[in-house]
Each structure stands twice: as C-alpha cells, then as structure tokens.
C-alpha cells in the first residue's frame, strides 16, 4: 500500500515537473534558462528518492541498517568516482545524470536486498493505471491554453485525478477511508 501511495504522488510529480520545468525556472528570474534540463533530470532523482526512503525505512525497521550503510557507502563512492570523470566533460548536466544514476542504483540495491529477504512484495496492479493517469496529464499541460503556472497545476491535478478515477486506480471508499484517518 505504501508503494502505491508513493507512486500515486511521485509519478504525477515527475511527469508534471518535467513538463512544467520550462515554466518553473523563469520564476527565479532571467538567466536561468539553462537550468531547465538539470531540473528535469534531478526530478528523476527525486522520484527514485521517494522509493529509496520507503525502502531504507523498511531496512532499518527490519534491522538491516548495517547493510543499508554499505549500500549508501558504495553509492557515494561510485557517485564521487563518476563525477570526477563527468564533471570536467559535461559540467553540471553530467553531475545531474550521475545523481540520477546513483539514486536509481541505490534504490534498486535496497529493493533487491528486500526482495531477496522476502521483505518486499510489490503488486503492480495499480502502477500501470497510475502511470497512465500521469502520462495523460502531460499532454494536457503542454497543450493547455493557460500560461499561469498555478492554473496549469490545477488543470494538471484535475486531469490526473479524473483519469485515476476513470481507470479505477483507487475507489472512492478507499479514498474516503484514508481521508478519515488523516
């Protein structure tokens, strides 16, 4: 359930962030246009971190923190080594790609450890529907006549939720029950 909940939040954030990055960066003023691809790449790292946080907490809760420390250590060593090569060649874009690769690698390593120890079972039934809803939101954001970032966020959110409900990603009963707990 935690995986589905994270996917429900993280996938639209990733798709929406990548799509809206060219409209987000100008909020910081002129001269930052070159940061758009960096933001788009690093949003992928944030996406991986969502799941990495879940998996690291699960490893700690099941007393595998020593193994988690090794995963983080080797992720750091590889990140530094690769950055020593890529930064002179590709500057901040190389560093962004290295960060993305590191976060994906660390998250996959944690996932593999949890799967091997039979501490993780992911039911992929909802993920395709969540991905479909997020992917439907992308073109709506691109083709939207509104220029206001706030309005685009609202339209994107409504599109995402509408497609989620149409594809029965979550039932109203589950949503109502989760809102009562909050």
Protein backbone atom coordinates (compact mmCIF):
# COMPACT_ATOMS: atom_id res chain seq x y z
CA UNK A 1 0.00 0.00 0.00
CA UNK A 2 2.85 2.39 0.79
CA UNK A 3 4.38 1.72 -2.62
CA UNK A 4 1.07 2.52 -4.34
CA UNK A 5 0.62 5.69 -2.30
CA UNK A 6 4.14 6.88 -3.16
CA UNK A 7 3.65 6.04 -6.82
CA UNK A 8 0.35 7.95 -6.78
CA UNK A 9 2.19 11.09 -5.62
CA UNK A 10 5.59 10.62 -7.26
CA UNK A 11 4.58 9.78 -10.84
CA UNK A 12 2.47 12.90 -11.46
CA UNK A 13 5.13 15.00 -9.74
CA UNK A 14 7.73 13.57 -12.13
CA UNK A 15 5.62 13.99 -15.29
CA UNK A 16 4.25 17.38 -14.25
CA UNK A 17 7.65 18.65 -13.14
CA UNK A 18 9.38 17.59 -16.34
CA UNK A 19 6.59 19.08 -18.44
CA UNK A 20 6.39 22.34 -16.50
CA UNK A 21 10.13 22.85 -15.88
CA UNK A 22 10.38 25.43 -18.69
CA UNK A 23 7.69 27.45 -16.89
CA UNK A 24 9.05 26.90 -13.37
CA UNK A 25 12.65 28.02 -13.93
CA UNK A 26 11.74 31.56 -15.13
CA UNK A 27 10.17 32.16 -11.70
CA UNK A 28 13.75 32.53 -10.44
CA UNK A 29 14.50 35.36 -12.85
CA UNK A 30 16.30 35.75 -16.14
CA UNK A 31 19.50 33.93 -16.90
CA UNK A 32 18.49 30.53 -15.54
CA UNK A 33 17.04 29.04 -18.74
CA UNK A 34 19.93 26.59 -18.90
CA UNK A 35 18.75 25.05 -15.63
CA UNK A 36 15.63 23.52 -17.24
CA UNK A 37 17.29 20.24 -18.31
CA UNK A 38 19.04 19.97 -14.95
CA UNK A 39 15.73 20.31 -13.10
CA UNK A 40 14.15 17.74 -15.39
CA UNK A 41 16.97 15.24 -14.76
CA UNK A 42 17.02 15.84 -11.00
CA UNK A 43 13.25 15.31 -10.78
CA UNK A 44 14.02 11.73 -11.82
CA UNK A 45 16.39 11.50 -8.86
CA UNK A 46 13.68 12.86 -6.54
CA UNK A 47 11.34 10.20 -7.92
CA UNK A 48 13.88 7.49 -7.02
CA UNK A 49 14.43 9.06 -3.58
CA UNK A 50 10.69 8.72 -2.80
CA UNK A 51 11.02 4.94 -3.05
CA UNK A 52 14.53 4.88 -1.60
CA UNK A 53 13.19 6.49 1.56
CA UNK A 54 10.48 3.86 1.86
CA UNK A 55 12.96 1.03 1.29
CA UNK A 56 15.59 2.44 3.66
CA UNK A 57 12.99 2.78 6.42
CA UNK A 58 11.94 -0.82 5.82
CA UNK A 59 15.57 -1.97 6.02
CA UNK A 60 16.06 -0.07 9.29
CA UNK A 61 12.80 -1.41 10.75
CA UNK A 62 13.91 -4.97 9.95
CA UNK A 63 17.37 -4.45 11.48
CA UNK A 64 19.34 -4.33 8.23
CA UNK A 65 20.79 -0.88 8.86
CA UNK A 66 24.36 -2.19 8.55
CA UNK A 67 23.59 -3.47 5.06
CA UNK A 68 21.90 -0.16 4.28
CA UNK A 69 25.06 1.65 5.36
CA UNK A 70 27.08 -0.40 2.84
CA UNK A 71 24.62 0.40 0.06
CA UNK A 72 24.83 4.12 0.82
CA UNK A 73 28.61 3.98 1.15
CA UNK A 74 29.14 2.29 -2.23
CA UNK A 75 26.59 4.63 -3.81
CA UNK A 76 28.64 7.56 -2.52
CA UNK A 77 31.94 6.09 -3.71
CA UNK A 78 30.56 5.42 -7.19
CA UNK A 79 28.94 8.86 -7.33
CA UNK A 80 32.21 10.61 -6.49
CA UNK A 81 34.23 8.46 -8.91
CA UNK A 82 31.83 9.03 -11.81
CA UNK A 83 31.55 12.75 -11.05
CA UNK A 84 35.34 13.08 -11.17
CA UNK A 85 35.08 11.94 -14.78
CA UNK A 86 31.81 13.50 -15.98
CA UNK A 87 32.02 16.99 -14.47
CA UNK A 88 35.10 18.04 -16.48
CA UNK A 89 33.43 16.74 -19.65
CA UNK A 90 29.74 17.61 -19.18
CA UNK A 91 29.69 20.06 -16.24
CA UNK A 92 26.51 20.30 -14.17
CA UNK A 93 24.49 18.18 -16.62
CA UNK A 94 26.96 15.34 -16.10
CA UNK A 95 26.63 15.75 -12.34
CA UNK A 96 22.83 15.71 -12.63
CA UNK A 97 22.89 12.49 -14.69
CA UNK A 98 25.32 10.97 -12.18
CA UNK A 99 22.99 11.89 -9.32
CA UNK A 100 20.06 10.31 -11.14
CA UNK A 101 22.02 7.12 -11.85
CA UNK A 102 23.24 6.95 -8.24
CA UNK A 103 19.76 7.37 -6.77
CA UNK A 104 18.32 4.74 -9.10
CA UNK A 105 21.19 2.37 -8.30
CA UNK A 106 20.90 2.82 -4.54
CA UNK A 107 17.12 2.41 -4.65
CA UNK A 108 17.38 -0.72 -6.81
CA UNK A 109 20.03 -2.16 -4.47
CA UNK A 110 17.73 -1.64 -1.48
CA UNK A 111 14.84 -3.17 -3.41
CA UNK A 112 16.95 -6.20 -4.33
CA UNK A 113 18.01 -6.74 -0.70
CA UNK A 114 14.41 -6.51 0.46
CA UNK A 115 13.18 -8.88 -2.26
CA UNK A 116 15.93 -11.45 -1.52
CA UNK A 117 14.98 -11.40 2.14
CA UNK A 118 11.30 -11.66 1.22
CA UNK A 119 10.52 -8.38 2.94
CA UNK A 120 9.06 -6.69 -0.11
CA UNK A 121 6.18 -7.62 -2.33
CA UNK A 122 5.03 -5.11 -4.88
CA UNK A 123 1.69 -5.64 -6.50
CA UNK A 124 1.99 -3.94 -9.88
CA UNK A 125 -1.77 -3.82 -10.43
CA UNK A 126 -2.19 -0.11 -9.75
CA UNK A 127 1.11 1.18 -11.13
CA UNK A 128 0.12 0.96 -14.84
CA UNK A 129 -3.10 2.87 -14.09
CA UNK A 130 -1.19 5.48 -12.10
CA UNK A 131 1.33 5.80 -14.94
CA UNK A 132 -1.47 6.15 -17.49
CA UNK A 133 -3.10 8.93 -15.48
CA UNK A 134 0.23 10.75 -15.12
CA UNK A 135 1.02 10.34 -18.81
CA UNK A 136 -2.42 11.68 -19.77
CA UNK A 137 -1.73 14.74 -17.63
CA UNK A 138 1.46 15.57 -19.59
CA UNK A 139 -0.14 16.42 -22.96
CA UNK A 140 -2.90 18.37 -21.22
CA UNK A 141 -0.23 20.56 -19.59
CA UNK A 142 1.63 21.02 -22.89
CA UNK A 143 -1.49 21.83 -24.91
CA UNK A 144 -3.24 23.92 -22.25
CA UNK A 145 -4.08 27.47 -23.32
CA UNK A 146 -3.34 28.81 -19.83
CA UNK A 147 0.01 30.42 -19.14
CA UNK A 148 -0.38 30.72 -15.38
CA UNK A 149 1.65 28.09 -13.55
CA UNK A 150 -0.96 27.94 -10.79
CA UNK A 151 -3.73 27.33 -13.32
CA UNK A 152 -1.63 24.64 -15.04
CA UNK A 153 -1.10 22.90 -11.69
CA UNK A 154 -4.86 22.92 -11.07
CA UNK A 155 -5.68 21.66 -14.58
CA UNK A 156 -2.95 19.00 -14.34
CA UNK A 157 -4.19 17.87 -10.93
CA UNK A 158 -7.80 17.66 -12.08
CA UNK A 159 -6.77 15.71 -15.19
CA UNK A 160 -4.67 13.32 -13.14
CA UNK A 161 -7.40 12.69 -10.56
CA UNK A 162 -10.09 12.34 -13.24
CA UNK A 163 -8.11 9.73 -15.20
CA UNK A 164 -7.22 7.98 -11.93
CA UNK A 165 -10.88 7.66 -11.03
CA UNK A 166 -11.91 6.68 -14.58
CA UNK A 167 -9.31 3.88 -14.56
CA UNK A 168 -10.36 2.90 -11.03
CA UNK A 169 -6.88 3.36 -9.65
CA UNK A 170 -8.45 3.88 -6.23
CA UNK A 171 -12.06 3.57 -5.21
CA UNK A 172 -13.97 6.37 -3.55
CA UNK A 173 -14.36 4.16 -0.47
CA UNK A 174 -10.58 3.74 -0.12
CA UNK A 175 -10.03 7.48 -0.63
CA UNK A 176 -12.74 8.37 1.89
CA UNK A 177 -11.32 5.90 4.42
CA UNK A 178 -7.78 7.31 4.03
CA UNK A 179 -9.03 10.89 4.39
CA UNK A 180 -10.85 9.96 7.63
CA UNK A 181 -7.56 8.62 9.08
CA UNK A 182 -5.71 11.87 8.34
